[in-house]
Amino acid sequence: MSAPSAAGRLVVALPPDEASLALLDAALALADRLQRELLGLFLEDEGLLAAAGLPFTRIVPRRALAEVAFDVASTERAVRVLAERARHRLAA
């Protein structure tokens, strides 16, 4: 079978948050149903990283009693983990 043309591909833009995995699952199902190749575009949010670098920013989870540190290193790590999970789902 020949490679699909550009018109035979679907592209999904994935923001760096947990909702992106649900979006990717929906896009995978659609691509499968339409028999199209799916390309994922993982978006990096420079504003998120800039906010993580500010000394006064914190994360206050809905179900936690205490705030969580919001720093560049942990934010970059979380984004890398999400990107890797998305890569694995696209490769499957």
N, C-alpha and C. Protein backbone atom coordinates (compact mmCIF):
# COMPACT_ATOMS: atom_id res chain seq x y z
N MET A 1 0.85 -1.17 0.00
CA MET A 1 0.00 0.00 0.00
C MET A 1 0.90 1.23 0.00
N SER A 2 0.54 2.24 -0.77
CA SER A 2 1.34 3.46 -0.84
C SER A 2 1.06 4.35 0.36
N ALA A 3 1.99 5.28 0.60
CA ALA A 3 1.82 6.21 1.72
C ALA A 3 0.65 7.14 1.44
N PRO A 4 -0.11 7.49 2.47
CA PRO A 4 -1.25 8.38 2.25
C PRO A 4 -0.78 9.77 1.82
N SER A 5 -1.59 10.41 1.01
CA SER A 5 -1.29 11.77 0.60
C SER A 5 -1.55 12.70 1.78
N ALA A 6 -1.15 13.97 1.62
CA ALA A 6 -1.39 14.94 2.68
C ALA A 6 -2.88 15.04 2.99
N ALA A 7 -3.73 14.84 1.98
CA ALA A 7 -5.18 14.91 2.19
C ALA A 7 -5.68 13.70 2.98
N GLY A 8 -4.88 12.65 3.07
CA GLY A 8 -5.27 11.45 3.79
C GLY A 8 -4.77 11.42 5.22
N ARG A 9 -4.25 12.53 5.68
CA ARG A 9 -3.70 12.60 7.04
C ARG A 9 -4.55 13.50 7.92
N LEU A 10 -4.56 13.16 9.20
CA LEU A 10 -5.17 14.02 10.20
C LEU A 10 -4.06 14.52 11.11
N VAL A 11 -4.18 15.76 11.54
CA VAL A 11 -3.20 16.34 12.47
C VAL A 11 -3.96 16.78 13.71
N VAL A 12 -3.42 16.40 14.87
CA VAL A 12 -4.02 16.82 16.13
C VAL A 12 -2.98 17.63 16.90
N ALA A 13 -3.36 18.82 17.33
CA ALA A 13 -2.50 19.67 18.14
C ALA A 13 -2.76 19.36 19.61
N LEU A 14 -1.72 19.01 20.33
CA LEU A 14 -1.86 18.57 21.72
C LEU A 14 -1.27 19.60 22.67
N PRO A 15 -2.11 20.22 23.49
CA PRO A 15 -1.58 21.16 24.49
C PRO A 15 -0.89 20.39 25.61
N PRO A 16 -0.02 21.05 26.37
CA PRO A 16 0.71 20.35 27.43
C PRO A 16 -0.10 20.21 28.72
N ASP A 17 -1.21 19.47 28.65
CA ASP A 17 -1.99 19.21 29.86
C ASP A 17 -2.62 17.83 29.76
N GLU A 18 -3.16 17.36 30.86
CA GLU A 18 -3.73 16.01 30.92
C GLU A 18 -4.87 15.82 29.93
N ALA A 19 -5.61 16.86 29.63
CA ALA A 19 -6.72 16.75 28.69
C ALA A 19 -6.23 16.37 27.30
N SER A 20 -4.97 16.63 27.01
CA SER A 20 -4.44 16.32 25.68
C SER A 20 -4.47 14.82 25.41
N LEU A 21 -4.36 14.00 26.44
CA LEU A 21 -4.39 12.55 26.22
C LEU A 21 -5.78 12.08 25.83
N ALA A 22 -6.82 12.67 26.40
CA ALA A 22 -8.19 12.34 25.99
C ALA A 22 -8.43 12.82 24.56
N LEU A 23 -7.91 13.99 24.23
CA LEU A 23 -8.02 14.51 22.88
C LEU A 23 -7.31 13.59 21.90
N LEU A 24 -6.14 13.12 22.27
CA LEU A 24 -5.39 12.20 21.42
C LEU A 24 -6.15 10.89 21.22
N ASP A 25 -6.75 10.36 22.28
CA ASP A 25 -7.53 9.12 22.16
C ASP A 25 -8.69 9.31 21.18
N ALA A 26 -9.37 10.45 21.26
CA ALA A 26 -10.48 10.72 20.33
C ALA A 26 -9.96 10.84 18.90
N ALA A 27 -8.83 11.50 18.72
CA ALA A 27 -8.24 11.65 17.39
C ALA A 27 -7.80 10.30 16.83
N LEU A 28 -7.25 9.44 17.69
CA LEU A 28 -6.85 8.10 17.25
C LEU A 28 -8.06 7.29 16.78
N ALA A 29 -9.16 7.39 17.53
CA ALA A 29 -10.38 6.67 17.15
C ALA A 29 -10.92 7.19 15.82
N LEU A 30 -10.90 8.50 15.64
CA LEU A 30 -11.37 9.10 14.39
C LEU A 30 -10.49 8.69 13.23
N ALA A 31 -9.18 8.74 13.41
CA ALA A 31 -8.25 8.34 12.35
C ALA A 31 -8.45 6.87 11.98
N ASP A 32 -8.69 6.04 12.98
CA ASP A 32 -8.94 4.62 12.71
C ASP A 32 -10.23 4.44 11.93
N ARG A 33 -11.28 5.14 12.35
CA ARG A 33 -12.57 5.02 11.67
C ARG A 33 -12.50 5.51 10.23
N LEU A 34 -11.73 6.58 10.00
CA LEU A 34 -11.59 7.14 8.65
C LEU A 34 -10.45 6.52 7.86
N GLN A 35 -9.73 5.62 8.50
CA GLN A 35 -8.57 4.96 7.90
C GLN A 35 -7.57 6.00 7.38
N ARG A 36 -7.19 6.88 8.28
CA ARG A 36 -6.24 7.95 7.97
C ARG A 36 -5.03 7.86 8.89
N GLU A 37 -3.92 8.36 8.41
CA GLU A 37 -2.73 8.48 9.23
C GLU A 37 -2.94 9.66 10.19
N LEU A 38 -2.48 9.51 11.42
CA LEU A 38 -2.62 10.58 12.41
C LEU A 38 -1.24 11.10 12.78
N LEU A 39 -1.09 12.41 12.68
CA LEU A 39 0.14 13.07 13.11
C LEU A 39 -0.18 13.90 14.34
N GLY A 40 0.66 13.81 15.35
CA GLY A 40 0.47 14.59 16.57
C GLY A 40 1.45 15.74 16.62
N LEU A 41 0.97 16.89 16.98
CA LEU A 41 1.79 18.09 17.13
C LEU A 41 1.69 18.51 18.59
N PHE A 42 2.76 18.27 19.35
CA PHE A 42 2.75 18.59 20.77
C PHE A 42 3.17 20.04 20.94
N LEU A 43 2.30 20.83 21.53
CA LEU A 43 2.53 22.26 21.70
C LEU A 43 3.22 22.55 23.03
N GLU A 44 4.20 23.42 23.00
CA GLU A 44 4.83 23.87 24.23
C GLU A 44 4.29 25.25 24.57
N ASP A 45 4.00 25.47 25.82
CA ASP A 45 3.44 26.72 26.27
C ASP A 45 4.52 27.54 26.97
N GLU A 46 5.07 28.52 26.25
CA GLU A 46 6.13 29.34 26.83
C GLU A 46 5.62 30.14 28.03
N GLY A 47 4.35 30.54 27.99
CA GLY A 47 3.77 31.26 29.12
C GLY A 47 3.73 30.42 30.38
N LEU A 48 3.45 29.14 30.21
CA LEU A 48 3.43 28.22 31.36
C LEU A 48 4.80 28.14 32.00
N LEU A 49 5.84 27.99 31.16
CA LEU A 49 7.19 27.91 31.69
C LEU A 49 7.64 29.23 32.31
N ALA A 50 7.22 30.34 31.72
CA ALA A 50 7.55 31.64 32.29
C ALA A 50 6.89 31.82 33.65
N ALA A 51 5.63 31.40 33.75
CA ALA A 51 4.92 31.50 35.04
C ALA A 51 5.57 30.61 36.08
N ALA A 52 6.04 29.44 35.65
CA ALA A 52 6.70 28.52 36.60
C ALA A 52 7.98 29.11 37.16
N GLY A 53 8.58 30.03 36.41
CA GLY A 53 9.81 30.65 36.87
C GLY A 53 9.61 31.79 37.85
N LEU A 54 8.39 32.22 38.05
CA LEU A 54 8.12 33.31 38.97
C LEU A 54 8.15 32.81 40.42
N PRO A 55 8.73 33.57 41.33
CA PRO A 55 8.89 33.07 42.71
C PRO A 55 7.59 32.98 43.51
N PHE A 56 6.54 33.62 43.06
CA PHE A 56 5.31 33.64 43.86
C PHE A 56 4.20 32.72 43.32
N THR A 57 4.46 31.99 42.25
CA THR A 57 3.41 31.13 41.69
C THR A 57 3.37 29.79 42.43
N ARG A 58 2.16 29.29 42.60
CA ARG A 58 1.93 28.00 43.27
C ARG A 58 0.78 27.29 42.55
N ILE A 59 0.71 25.99 42.72
CA ILE A 59 -0.41 25.20 42.22
C ILE A 59 -1.26 24.83 43.43
N VAL A 60 -2.56 25.05 43.32
CA VAL A 60 -3.47 24.67 44.39
C VAL A 60 -4.43 23.62 43.80
N PRO A 61 -4.12 22.34 44.00
CA PRO A 61 -4.97 21.28 43.46
C PRO A 61 -6.36 21.31 44.07
N ARG A 62 -7.34 20.87 43.32
CA ARG A 62 -8.73 20.87 43.80
C ARG A 62 -8.93 19.98 45.01
N ARG A 63 -8.26 18.84 45.04
CA ARG A 63 -8.52 17.87 46.10
C ARG A 63 -7.42 17.81 47.16
N ALA A 64 -6.48 18.70 47.09
CA ALA A 64 -5.39 18.67 48.08
C ALA A 64 -5.59 19.78 49.10
N LEU A 65 -5.02 19.57 50.26
CA LEU A 65 -5.15 20.56 51.32
C LEU A 65 -4.02 21.59 51.29
N ALA A 66 -2.96 21.28 50.57
CA ALA A 66 -1.82 22.18 50.54
C ALA A 66 -1.44 22.51 49.10
N GLU A 67 -0.81 23.64 48.94
CA GLU A 67 -0.33 24.03 47.61
C GLU A 67 0.89 23.20 47.25
N VAL A 68 1.17 23.16 45.95
CA VAL A 68 2.28 22.39 45.41
C VAL A 68 3.25 23.35 44.76
N ALA A 69 4.53 23.05 44.85
CA ALA A 69 5.53 23.90 44.21
C ALA A 69 5.29 23.95 42.70
N PHE A 70 5.50 25.10 42.13
CA PHE A 70 5.34 25.31 40.70
C PHE A 70 6.64 25.94 40.22
N ASP A 71 7.55 25.10 39.74
CA ASP A 71 8.84 25.60 39.31
C ASP A 71 9.15 25.09 37.91
N VAL A 72 10.16 25.66 37.30
CA VAL A 72 10.49 25.34 35.91
C VAL A 72 10.88 23.87 35.76
N ALA A 73 11.72 23.37 36.64
CA ALA A 73 12.19 21.98 36.51
C ALA A 73 11.05 20.98 36.58
N SER A 74 10.16 21.11 37.56
CA SER A 74 9.05 20.16 37.67
C SER A 74 8.05 20.33 36.54
N THR A 75 7.87 21.55 36.07
CA THR A 75 6.96 21.80 34.95
C THR A 75 7.51 21.20 33.67
N GLU A 76 8.80 21.39 33.41
CA GLU A 76 9.42 20.79 32.23
C GLU A 76 9.34 19.27 32.28
N ARG A 77 9.56 18.72 33.47
CA ARG A 77 9.49 17.26 33.65
C ARG A 77 8.08 16.76 33.36
N ALA A 78 7.07 17.45 33.86
CA ALA A 78 5.68 17.04 33.63
C ALA A 78 5.32 17.12 32.15
N VAL A 79 5.81 18.16 31.47
CA VAL A 79 5.54 18.30 30.04
C VAL A 79 6.23 17.19 29.26
N ARG A 80 7.46 16.84 29.64
CA ARG A 80 8.17 15.74 28.96
C ARG A 80 7.42 14.41 29.15
N VAL A 81 6.92 14.18 30.35
CA VAL A 81 6.18 12.94 30.62
C VAL A 81 4.92 12.87 29.75
N LEU A 82 4.19 13.98 29.66
CA LEU A 82 2.99 14.01 28.81
C LEU A 82 3.34 13.78 27.35
N ALA A 83 4.41 14.41 26.89
CA ALA A 83 4.83 14.24 25.50
C ALA A 83 5.21 12.78 25.22
N GLU A 84 5.89 12.15 26.15
CA GLU A 84 6.29 10.75 25.97
C GLU A 84 5.05 9.84 25.96
N ARG A 85 4.09 10.11 26.83
CA ARG A 85 2.85 9.32 26.83
C ARG A 85 2.13 9.47 25.51
N ALA A 86 2.11 10.68 24.98
CA ALA A 86 1.46 10.92 23.68
C ALA A 86 2.21 10.18 22.57
N ARG A 87 3.54 10.20 22.60
CA ARG A 87 4.34 9.47 21.58
C ARG A 87 4.00 7.98 21.61
N HIS A 88 3.92 7.41 22.82
CA HIS A 88 3.61 5.98 22.94
C HIS A 88 2.23 5.67 22.37
N ARG A 89 1.26 6.51 22.63
CA ARG A 89 -0.09 6.27 22.12
C ARG A 89 -0.12 6.38 20.60
N LEU A 90 0.62 7.34 20.05
CA LEU A 90 0.67 7.49 18.60
C LEU A 90 1.38 6.30 17.94
N ALA A 91 2.37 5.76 18.60
CA ALA A 91 3.15 4.66 18.03
C ALA A 91 2.42 3.32 18.09
N ALA A 92 1.45 3.21 19.00
CA ALA A 92 0.74 1.93 19.18
C ALA A 92 -0.19 1.61 18.03
